[in-house]
């Protein structure tokens, strides 16, 4: 069995909580590292990123993701 990457794990955690977070934190940013979620939600990406650095340090990867009902699609032309 293949081991999940840290990003796959963080995206799985996000999907596990998405519906709950959509109801209570729509449009906010969440910070996830492995299966650990920062308990605050943030209005701005920069604030979430700083919280991730404080919580997990600058040498560990973490995910900052905005909470939407569906993922926006961006087109680059």
PDB file of N, CA and C in Angstrom:
ATOM      1  N   UNK A   1       0.841  -1.184   0.000  1.00  0.00           N
ATOM      2  CA  UNK A   1       0.000   0.000   0.000  1.00  0.00           C
ATOM      3  C   UNK A   1       0.887   1.248   0.000  1.00  0.00           C
ATOM      4  N   UNK A   2       0.525   2.203  -0.816  1.00  0.00           N
ATOM      5  CA  UNK A   2       1.303   3.430  -0.953  1.00  0.00           C
ATOM      6  C   UNK A   2       1.005   4.392   0.199  1.00  0.00           C
ATOM      7  N   UNK A   3       2.054   5.003   0.738  1.00  0.00           N
ATOM      8  CA  UNK A   3       1.899   5.963   1.827  1.00  0.00           C
ATOM      9  C   UNK A   3       1.498   7.319   1.263  1.00  0.00           C
ATOM     10  N   UNK A   4       0.545   7.974   1.917  1.00  0.00           N
ATOM     11  CA  UNK A   4       0.091   9.296   1.483  1.00  0.00           C
ATOM     12  C   UNK A   4       1.173  10.338   1.752  1.00  0.00           C
ATOM     13  N   UNK A   5       1.281  11.296   0.861  1.00  0.00           N
ATOM     14  CA  UNK A   5       2.198  12.412   1.082  1.00  0.00           C
ATOM     15  C   UNK A   5       1.583  13.339   2.128  1.00  0.00           C
ATOM     16  N   UNK A   6       2.385  14.206   2.736  1.00  0.00           N
ATOM     17  CA  UNK A   6       1.817  15.167   3.687  1.00  0.00           C
ATOM     18  C   UNK A   6       0.702  16.013   3.055  1.00  0.00           C
ATOM     19  N   UNK A   7       0.888  16.464   1.824  1.00  0.00           N
ATOM     20  CA  UNK A   7      -0.151  17.264   1.166  1.00  0.00           C
ATOM     21  C   UNK A   7      -1.432  16.462   0.975  1.00  0.00           C
ATOM     22  N   UNK A   8      -1.322  15.201   0.572  1.00  0.00           N
ATOM     23  CA  UNK A   8      -2.517  14.362   0.426  1.00  0.00           C
ATOM     24  C   UNK A   8      -3.238  14.213   1.759  1.00  0.00           C
ATOM     25  N   UNK A   9      -2.483  14.036   2.835  1.00  0.00           N
ATOM     26  CA  UNK A   9      -3.080  13.916   4.167  1.00  0.00           C
ATOM     27  C   UNK A   9      -3.796  15.206   4.552  1.00  0.00           C
ATOM     28  N   UNK A  10      -3.152  16.350   4.307  1.00  0.00           N
ATOM     29  CA  UNK A  10      -3.755  17.644   4.662  1.00  0.00           C
ATOM     30  C   UNK A  10      -5.015  17.909   3.848  1.00  0.00           C
ATOM     31  N   UNK A  11      -4.998  17.569   2.567  1.00  0.00           N
ATOM     32  CA  UNK A  11      -6.195  17.744   1.736  1.00  0.00           C
ATOM     33  C   UNK A  11      -7.318  16.807   2.182  1.00  0.00           C
ATOM     34  N   UNK A  12      -6.955  15.612   2.628  1.00  0.00           N
ATOM     35  CA  UNK A  12      -7.963  14.673   3.146  1.00  0.00           C
ATOM     36  C   UNK A  12      -8.604  15.234   4.414  1.00  0.00           C
ATOM     37  N   UNK A  13      -7.793  15.774   5.309  1.00  0.00           N
ATOM     38  CA  UNK A  13      -8.327  16.397   6.532  1.00  0.00           C
ATOM     39  C   UNK A  13      -9.274  17.534   6.156  1.00  0.00           C
ATOM     40  N   UNK A  14      -8.867  18.351   5.189  1.00  0.00           N
ATOM     41  CA  UNK A  14      -9.721  19.451   4.737  1.00  0.00           C
ATOM     42  C   UNK A  14     -11.065  18.914   4.249  1.00  0.00           C
ATOM     43  N   UNK A  15     -11.033  17.895   3.398  1.00  0.00           N
ATOM     44  CA  UNK A  15     -12.282  17.333   2.855  1.00  0.00           C
ATOM     45  C   UNK A  15     -13.145  16.707   3.949  1.00  0.00           C
ATOM     46  N   UNK A  16     -12.518  16.093   4.941  1.00  0.00           N
ATOM     47  CA  UNK A  16     -13.262  15.491   6.054  1.00  0.00           C
ATOM     48  C   UNK A  16     -14.054  16.540   6.837  1.00  0.00           C
ATOM     49  N   UNK A  17     -13.553  17.776   6.879  1.00  0.00           N
ATOM     50  CA  UNK A  17     -14.170  18.834   7.671  1.00  0.00           C
ATOM     51  C   UNK A  17     -14.872  19.903   6.839  1.00  0.00           C
ATOM     52  N   UNK A  18     -14.776  19.791   5.508  1.00  0.00           N
ATOM     53  CA  UNK A  18     -15.266  20.858   4.632  1.00  0.00           C
ATOM     54  C   UNK A  18     -16.711  21.261   4.932  1.00  0.00           C
ATOM     55  N   UNK A  19     -17.631  20.326   4.993  1.00  0.00           N
ATOM     56  CA  UNK A  19     -19.041  20.670   5.192  1.00  0.00           C
ATOM     57  C   UNK A  19     -19.273  21.394   6.520  1.00  0.00           C
ATOM     58  N   UNK A  20     -18.632  20.932   7.562  1.00  0.00           N
ATOM     59  CA  UNK A  20     -18.725  21.586   8.877  1.00  0.00           C
ATOM     60  C   UNK A  20     -18.183  23.014   8.800  1.00  0.00           C
ATOM     61  N   UNK A  21     -17.023  23.169   8.174  1.00  0.00           N
ATOM     62  CA  UNK A  21     -16.387  24.481   8.082  1.00  0.00           C
ATOM     63  C   UNK A  21     -17.142  25.421   7.158  1.00  0.00           C
ATOM     64  N   UNK A  22     -17.760  24.889   6.103  1.00  0.00           N
ATOM     65  CA  UNK A  22     -18.566  25.734   5.198  1.00  0.00           C
ATOM     66  C   UNK A  22     -19.699  26.385   5.980  1.00  0.00           C
ATOM     67  N   UNK A  23     -20.305  25.638   6.873  1.00  0.00           N
ATOM     68  CA  UNK A  23     -21.425  26.179   7.668  1.00  0.00           C
ATOM     69  C   UNK A  23     -20.970  27.244   8.666  1.00  0.00           C
ATOM     70  N   UNK A  24     -19.756  27.108   9.181  1.00  0.00           N
ATOM     71  CA  UNK A  24     -19.342  28.012  10.259  1.00  0.00           C
ATOM     72  C   UNK A  24     -18.218  28.986   9.894  1.00  0.00           C
ATOM     73  N   UNK A  25     -17.489  28.724   8.806  1.00  0.00           N
ATOM     74  CA  UNK A  25     -16.311  29.548   8.504  1.00  0.00           C
ATOM     75  C   UNK A  25     -16.152  29.816   7.004  1.00  0.00           C
ATOM     76  N   UNK A  26     -17.245  29.921   6.279  1.00  0.00           N
ATOM     77  CA  UNK A  26     -17.203  30.119   4.827  1.00  0.00           C
ATOM     78  C   UNK A  26     -16.352  31.341   4.464  1.00  0.00           C
ATOM     79  N   UNK A  27     -15.439  31.152   3.526  1.00  0.00           N
ATOM     80  CA  UNK A  27     -14.582  32.231   3.055  1.00  0.00           C
ATOM     81  C   UNK A  27     -13.333  32.469   3.886  1.00  0.00           C
ATOM     82  N   UNK A  28     -13.242  31.837   5.040  1.00  0.00           N
ATOM     83  CA  UNK A  28     -12.075  32.001   5.915  1.00  0.00           C
ATOM     84  C   UNK A  28     -10.956  31.058   5.465  1.00  0.00           C
ATOM     85  N   UNK A  29      -9.773  31.252   6.042  1.00  0.00           N
ATOM     86  CA  UNK A  29      -8.626  30.400   5.762  1.00  0.00           C
ATOM     87  C   UNK A  29      -8.359  29.500   6.955  1.00  0.00           C
ATOM     88  N   UNK A  30      -8.005  28.250   6.661  1.00  0.00           N
ATOM     89  CA  UNK A  30      -7.662  27.271   7.685  1.00  0.00           C
ATOM     90  C   UNK A  30      -6.215  26.847   7.462  1.00  0.00           C
ATOM     91  N   UNK A  31      -5.543  26.457   8.548  1.00  0.00           N
ATOM     92  CA  UNK A  31      -4.154  26.007   8.490  1.00  0.00           C
ATOM     93  C   UNK A  31      -4.098  24.564   8.980  1.00  0.00           C
ATOM     94  N   UNK A  32      -3.496  23.694   8.153  1.00  0.00           N
ATOM     95  CA  UNK A  32      -3.419  22.266   8.476  1.00  0.00           C
ATOM     96  C   UNK A  32      -1.983  21.798   8.238  1.00  0.00           C
ATOM     97  N   UNK A  33      -1.460  21.043   9.201  1.00  0.00           N
ATOM     98  CA  UNK A  33      -0.149  20.402   9.039  1.00  0.00           C
ATOM     99  C   UNK A  33      -0.313  18.950   9.446  1.00  0.00           C
ATOM    100  N   UNK A  34      -0.090  18.032   8.503  1.00  0.00           N
ATOM    101  CA  UNK A  34      -0.405  16.611   8.684  1.00  0.00           C
ATOM    102  C   UNK A  34      -1.885  16.503   9.054  1.00  0.00           C
ATOM    103  N   UNK A  35      -2.207  16.013  10.257  1.00  0.00           N
ATOM    104  CA  UNK A  35      -3.609  15.926  10.694  1.00  0.00           C
ATOM    105  C   UNK A  35      -3.924  16.986  11.755  1.00  0.00           C
ATOM    106  N   UNK A  36      -2.995  17.915  11.981  1.00  0.00           N
ATOM    107  CA  UNK A  36      -3.166  18.962  12.986  1.00  0.00           C
ATOM    108  C   UNK A  36      -3.763  20.208  12.349  1.00  0.00           C
ATOM    109  N   UNK A  37      -4.836  20.703  12.958  1.00  0.00           N
ATOM    110  CA  UNK A  37      -5.525  21.891  12.456  1.00  0.00           C
ATOM    111  C   UNK A  37      -5.364  23.012  13.477  1.00  0.00           C
ATOM    112  N   UNK A  38      -4.905  24.186  13.018  1.00  0.00           N
ATOM    113  CA  UNK A  38      -4.869  25.356  13.893  1.00  0.00           C
ATOM    114  C   UNK A  38      -6.315  25.689  14.231  1.00  0.00           C
ATOM    115  N   UNK A  39      -6.614  25.904  15.484  1.00  0.00           N
ATOM    116  CA  UNK A  39      -7.998  26.054  15.926  1.00  0.00           C
ATOM    117  C   UNK A  39      -8.643  27.385  15.550  1.00  0.00           C
ATOM    118  N   UNK A  40      -7.857  28.356  15.131  1.00  0.00           N
ATOM    119  CA  UNK A  40      -8.416  29.625  14.667  1.00  0.00           C
ATOM    120  C   UNK A  40      -8.645  29.559  13.167  1.00  0.00           C
ATOM    121  N   UNK A  41      -9.550  30.403  12.678  1.00  0.00           N
ATOM    122  CA  UNK A  41      -9.774  30.586  11.248  1.00  0.00           C
ATOM    123  C   UNK A  41      -9.495  32.048  10.950  1.00  0.00           C
ATOM    124  N   UNK A  42      -9.038  32.342   9.740  1.00  0.00           N
ATOM    125  CA  UNK A  42      -8.488  33.654   9.445  1.00  0.00           C
ATOM    126  C   UNK A  42      -9.168  34.287   8.237  1.00  0.00           C
ATOM    127  N   UNK A  43      -9.328  35.614   8.297  1.00  0.00           N
ATOM    128  CA  UNK A  43      -9.923  36.364   7.191  1.00  0.00           C
ATOM    129  C   UNK A  43      -8.951  36.544   6.039  1.00  0.00           C
ATOM    130  N   UNK A  44      -7.671  36.615   6.346  1.00  0.00           N
ATOM    131  CA  UNK A  44      -6.639  36.898   5.347  1.00  0.00           C
ATOM    132  C   UNK A  44      -5.628  35.755   5.268  1.00  0.00           C
ATOM    133  N   UNK A  45      -5.184  35.461   4.052  1.00  0.00           N
ATOM    134  CA  UNK A  45      -4.174  34.427   3.847  1.00  0.00           C
ATOM    135  C   UNK A  45      -2.928  34.708   4.675  1.00  0.00           C
ATOM    136  N   UNK A  46      -2.480  35.963   4.661  1.00  0.00           N
ATOM    137  CA  UNK A  46      -1.247  36.316   5.352  1.00  0.00           C
ATOM    138  C   UNK A  46      -1.331  36.019   6.850  1.00  0.00           C
ATOM    139  N   UNK A  47      -2.482  36.292   7.461  1.00  0.00           N
ATOM    140  CA  UNK A  47      -2.656  36.003   8.887  1.00  0.00           C
ATOM    141  C   UNK A  47      -2.606  34.495   9.144  1.00  0.00           C
ATOM    142  N   UNK A  48      -3.227  33.722   8.270  1.00  0.00           N
ATOM    143  CA  UNK A  48      -3.204  32.267   8.407  1.00  0.00           C
ATOM    144  C   UNK A  48      -1.778  31.739   8.248  1.00  0.00           C
ATOM    145  N   UNK A  49      -1.066  32.274   7.261  1.00  0.00           N
ATOM    146  CA  UNK A  49       0.311  31.845   7.025  1.00  0.00           C
ATOM    147  C   UNK A  49       1.195  32.135   8.239  1.00  0.00           C
ATOM    148  N   UNK A  50       1.051  33.328   8.794  1.00  0.00           N
ATOM    149  CA  UNK A  50       1.838  33.678   9.996  1.00  0.00           C
ATOM    150  C   UNK A  50       1.509  32.748  11.163  1.00  0.00           C
ATOM    151  N   UNK A  51       0.229  32.416  11.315  1.00  0.00           N
ATOM    152  CA  UNK A  51      -0.176  31.491  12.384  1.00  0.00           C
ATOM    153  C   UNK A  51       0.452  30.116  12.164  1.00  0.00           C
ATOM    154  N   UNK A  52       0.521  29.682  10.913  1.00  0.00           N
ATOM    155  CA  UNK A  52       1.167  28.402  10.602  1.00  0.00           C
ATOM    156  C   UNK A  52       2.642  28.410  10.957  1.00  0.00           C
ATOM    157  N   UNK A  53       3.320  29.514  10.660  1.00  0.00           N
ATOM    158  CA  UNK A  53       4.742  29.643  11.015  1.00  0.00           C
ATOM    159  C   UNK A  53       4.906  29.592  12.535  1.00  0.00           C
ATOM    160  N   UNK A  54       4.053  30.321  13.251  1.00  0.00           N
ATOM    161  CA  UNK A  54       4.138  30.319  14.724  1.00  0.00           C
ATOM    162  C   UNK A  54       3.891  28.920  15.284  1.00  0.00           C
ATOM    163  N   UNK A  55       2.901  28.230  14.747  1.00  0.00           N
ATOM    164  CA  UNK A  55       2.504  26.920  15.287  1.00  0.00           C
ATOM    165  C   UNK A  55       3.476  25.811  14.884  1.00  0.00           C
ATOM    166  N   UNK A  56       3.872  25.788  13.606  1.00  0.00           N
ATOM    167  CA  UNK A  56       4.626  24.656  13.082  1.00  0.00           C
ATOM    168  C   UNK A  56       6.087  24.966  12.779  1.00  0.00           C
ATOM    169  N   UNK A  57       6.465  26.242  12.836  1.00  0.00           N
ATOM    170  CA  UNK A  57       7.841  26.619  12.531  1.00  0.00           C
ATOM    171  C   UNK A  57       8.041  26.832  11.040  1.00  0.00           C
ATOM    172  N   UNK A  58       9.144  27.466  10.715  1.00  0.00           N
ATOM    173  CA  UNK A  58       9.423  27.797   9.330  1.00  0.00           C
ATOM    174  C   UNK A  58      10.038  26.672   8.526  1.00  0.00           C
ATOM    175  N   UNK A  59      10.408  25.573   9.165  1.00  0.00           N
ATOM    176  CA  UNK A  59      11.066  24.480   8.455  1.00  0.00           C
ATOM    177  C   UNK A  59      10.135  23.302   8.187  1.00  0.00           C
ATOM    178  N   UNK A  60       8.840  23.452   8.469  1.00  0.00           N
ATOM    179  CA  UNK A  60       7.861  22.385   8.234  1.00  0.00           C
ATOM    180  C   UNK A  60       6.794  22.890   7.286  1.00  0.00           C
ATOM    181  N   UNK A  61       6.452  22.085   6.299  1.00  0.00           N
ATOM    182  CA  UNK A  61       5.394  22.454   5.366  1.00  0.00           C
ATOM    183  C   UNK A  61       4.031  22.355   6.043  1.00  0.00           C
ATOM    184  N   UNK A  62       3.127  23.216   5.615  1.00  0.00           N
ATOM    185  CA  UNK A  62       1.748  23.160   6.070  1.00  0.00           C
ATOM    186  C   UNK A  62       0.862  23.732   4.974  1.00  0.00           C
ATOM    187  N   UNK A  63      -0.416  23.449   5.071  1.00  0.00           N
ATOM    188  CA  UNK A  63      -1.391  23.875   4.072  1.00  0.00           C
ATOM    189  C   UNK A  63      -2.207  25.042   4.611  1.00  0.00           C
ATOM    190  N   UNK A  64      -2.332  26.090   3.811  1.00  0.00           N
ATOM    191  CA  UNK A  64      -3.263  27.186   4.090  1.00  0.00           C
ATOM    192  C   UNK A  64      -4.295  27.138   2.972  1.00  0.00           C
ATOM    193  N   UNK A  65      -5.563  26.953   3.325  1.00  0.00           N
ATOM    194  CA  UNK A  65      -6.595  26.765   2.304  1.00  0.00           C
ATOM    195  C   UNK A  65      -7.837  27.555   2.681  1.00  0.00           C
ATOM    196  N   UNK A  66      -8.413  28.198   1.670  1.00  0.00           N
ATOM    197  CA  UNK A  66      -9.644  28.943   1.892  1.00  0.00           C
ATOM    198  C   UNK A  66     -10.835  27.998   1.798  1.00  0.00           C
ATOM    199  N   UNK A  67     -11.837  28.251   2.621  1.00  0.00           N
ATOM    200  CA  UNK A  67     -12.992  27.369   2.737  1.00  0.00           C
ATOM    201  C   UNK A  67     -14.114  27.873   1.826  1.00  0.00           C
ATOM    202  N   UNK A  68     -14.441  27.066   0.809  1.00  0.00           N
ATOM    203  CA  UNK A  68     -15.538  27.352  -0.117  1.00  0.00           C
ATOM    204  C   UNK A  68     -16.397  26.109  -0.257  1.00  0.00           C
ATOM    205  N   UNK A  69     -17.651  26.286  -0.669  1.00  0.00           N
ATOM    206  CA  UNK A  69     -18.525  25.133  -0.927  1.00  0.00           C
ATOM    207  C   UNK A  69     -17.962  24.287  -2.054  1.00  0.00           C
ATOM    208  N   UNK A  70     -17.508  24.939  -3.110  1.00  0.00           N
ATOM    209  CA  UNK A  70     -16.862  24.260  -4.227  1.00  0.00           C
ATOM    210  C   UNK A  70     -15.558  24.976  -4.512  1.00  0.00           C
ATOM    211  N   UNK A  71     -14.623  24.269  -5.086  1.00  0.00           N
ATOM    212  CA  UNK A  71     -13.340  24.863  -5.403  1.00  0.00           C
ATOM    213  C   UNK A  71     -13.483  25.811  -6.590  1.00  0.00           C
ATOM    214  N   UNK A  72     -12.979  27.033  -6.468  1.00  0.00           N
ATOM    215  CA  UNK A  72     -13.006  27.929  -7.619  1.00  0.00           C
ATOM    216  C   UNK A  72     -12.073  27.404  -8.715  1.00  0.00           C
ATOM    217  N   UNK A  73     -12.429  27.714  -9.951  1.00  0.00           N
ATOM    218  CA  UNK A  73     -11.598  27.334 -11.084  1.00  0.00           C
ATOM    219  C   UNK A  73     -11.060  28.614 -11.701  1.00  0.00           C
ATOM    220  N   UNK A  74      -9.751  28.642 -11.902  1.00  0.00           N
ATOM    221  CA  UNK A  74      -9.100  29.807 -12.472  1.00  0.00           C
ATOM    222  C   UNK A  74      -8.563  29.448 -13.851  1.00  0.00           C
ATOM    223  N   UNK A  75      -8.787  30.321 -14.803  1.00  0.00           N
ATOM    224  CA  UNK A  75      -8.267  30.131 -16.151  1.00  0.00           C
ATOM    225  C   UNK A  75      -7.160  31.141 -16.386  1.00  0.00           C
ATOM    226  N   UNK A  76      -6.051  30.657 -16.901  1.00  0.00           N
ATOM    227  CA  UNK A  76      -4.942  31.531 -17.253  1.00  0.00           C
ATOM    228  C   UNK A  76      -4.822  31.490 -18.770  1.00  0.00           C
ATOM    229  N   UNK A  77      -4.906  32.658 -19.379  1.00  0.00           N
ATOM    230  CA  UNK A  77      -4.811  32.707 -20.852  1.00  0.00           C
ATOM    231  C   UNK A  77      -3.615  33.499 -21.269  1.00  0.00           C
TER     232      UNK A  77
END
